Amino acid sequence: MGIGGGIALLVIGAILSFAVSDAIDGVNLGLIGYICMGAGALMLILALVVNAQRSNTSHTAVVEHRETPPPVV
């Protein structure tokens, strides 16, 4: 839900801030839109940082090799 959720919050916030002209008593839709856009930007940045850290990990595999002695005749 990281990158997709951040983009969704950005879009919803932009719609509330710039496209909705209705007014609800006691609710400032423009401010709610700006808050959603800020939360979406923060969520998007955090998701990108976490994904970058996840791709920088390295794994080492330890393989033990045992030689079998030749068969005794």
Protein backbone atom coordinates (compact mmCIF):
# COMPACT_ATOMS: atom_id res chain seq x y z
CA MET A 1 0.00 0.00 0.00
CA GLY A 2 3.04 2.26 0.00
CA ILE A 3 3.45 3.85 -3.39
CA GLY A 4 -0.15 3.34 -4.51
CA GLY A 5 -1.56 4.71 -1.27
CA GLY A 6 0.68 7.78 -1.49
CA ILE A 7 -0.42 8.50 -5.05
CA ALA A 8 -4.07 7.98 -4.08
CA LEU A 9 -3.78 10.45 -1.20
CA LEU A 10 -2.10 12.99 -3.50
CA VAL A 11 -4.91 12.68 -6.04
CA ILE A 12 -7.70 12.85 -3.45
CA GLY A 13 -6.05 15.85 -1.80
CA ALA A 14 -5.65 17.66 -5.12
CA ILE A 15 -9.29 17.02 -5.99
CA LEU A 16 -10.44 18.32 -2.61
CA SER A 17 -8.18 21.38 -2.80
CA PHE A 18 -8.63 22.49 -6.38
CA ALA A 19 -11.73 20.90 -7.91
CA VAL A 20 -14.39 20.90 -5.17
CA SER A 21 -16.18 24.21 -4.81
CA ASP A 22 -18.91 23.05 -2.41
CA ALA A 23 -18.84 24.18 1.20
CA ILE A 24 -19.69 22.22 4.30
CA ASP A 25 -20.39 24.14 7.50
CA GLY A 26 -17.45 23.88 9.87
CA VAL A 27 -15.26 21.94 7.41
CA ASN A 28 -12.59 23.53 5.26
CA LEU A 29 -12.26 21.16 2.29
CA GLY A 30 -9.25 23.04 0.92
CA LEU A 31 -7.30 22.52 4.14
CA ILE A 32 -8.27 18.83 4.27
CA GLY A 33 -7.05 18.52 0.68
CA TYR A 34 -3.71 20.09 1.53
CA ILE A 35 -3.35 17.78 4.53
CA CYS A 36 -4.10 14.75 2.32
CA MET A 37 -1.56 15.92 -0.26
CA GLY A 38 1.10 16.35 2.43
CA ALA A 39 0.38 12.93 3.88
CA GLY A 40 0.46 11.41 0.39
CA ALA A 41 3.82 13.02 -0.40
CA LEU A 42 5.26 11.80 2.91
CA MET A 43 3.89 8.31 2.33
CA LEU A 44 5.32 8.23 -1.20
CA ILE A 45 8.78 9.34 -0.03
CA LEU A 46 8.82 6.81 2.81
CA ALA A 47 7.74 4.00 0.48
CA LEU A 48 10.53 4.85 -1.96
CA VAL A 49 13.12 4.95 0.84
CA VAL A 50 11.98 1.59 2.23
CA ASN A 51 12.04 0.02 -1.24
CA ALA A 52 15.54 1.38 -1.87
CA GLN A 53 16.78 -0.09 1.40
CA ARG A 54 15.18 -3.41 0.58
CA SER A 55 17.01 -3.64 -2.75
CA ASN A 56 20.41 -2.85 -1.20
CA THR A 57 20.53 -5.98 0.94
CA SER A 58 23.02 -8.71 0.20
CA HIS A 59 22.88 -12.37 1.07
CA THR A 60 25.76 -14.77 1.42
CA ALA A 61 25.32 -18.48 1.01
CA VAL A 62 27.67 -20.84 2.81
CA VAL A 63 28.20 -24.10 0.97
CA GLU A 64 29.98 -26.96 2.66
CA HIS A 65 31.81 -29.36 0.39
CA ARG A 66 32.72 -32.75 1.78
CA GLU A 67 34.89 -35.09 -0.16
CA THR A 68 33.97 -38.72 0.06
CA PRO A 69 36.85 -41.14 0.42
CA PRO A 70 37.39 -43.61 -2.44
CA PRO A 71 35.73 -47.00 -1.94
CA VAL A 72 37.87 -49.65 -0.28
CA VAL A 73 38.21 -52.76 -2.41
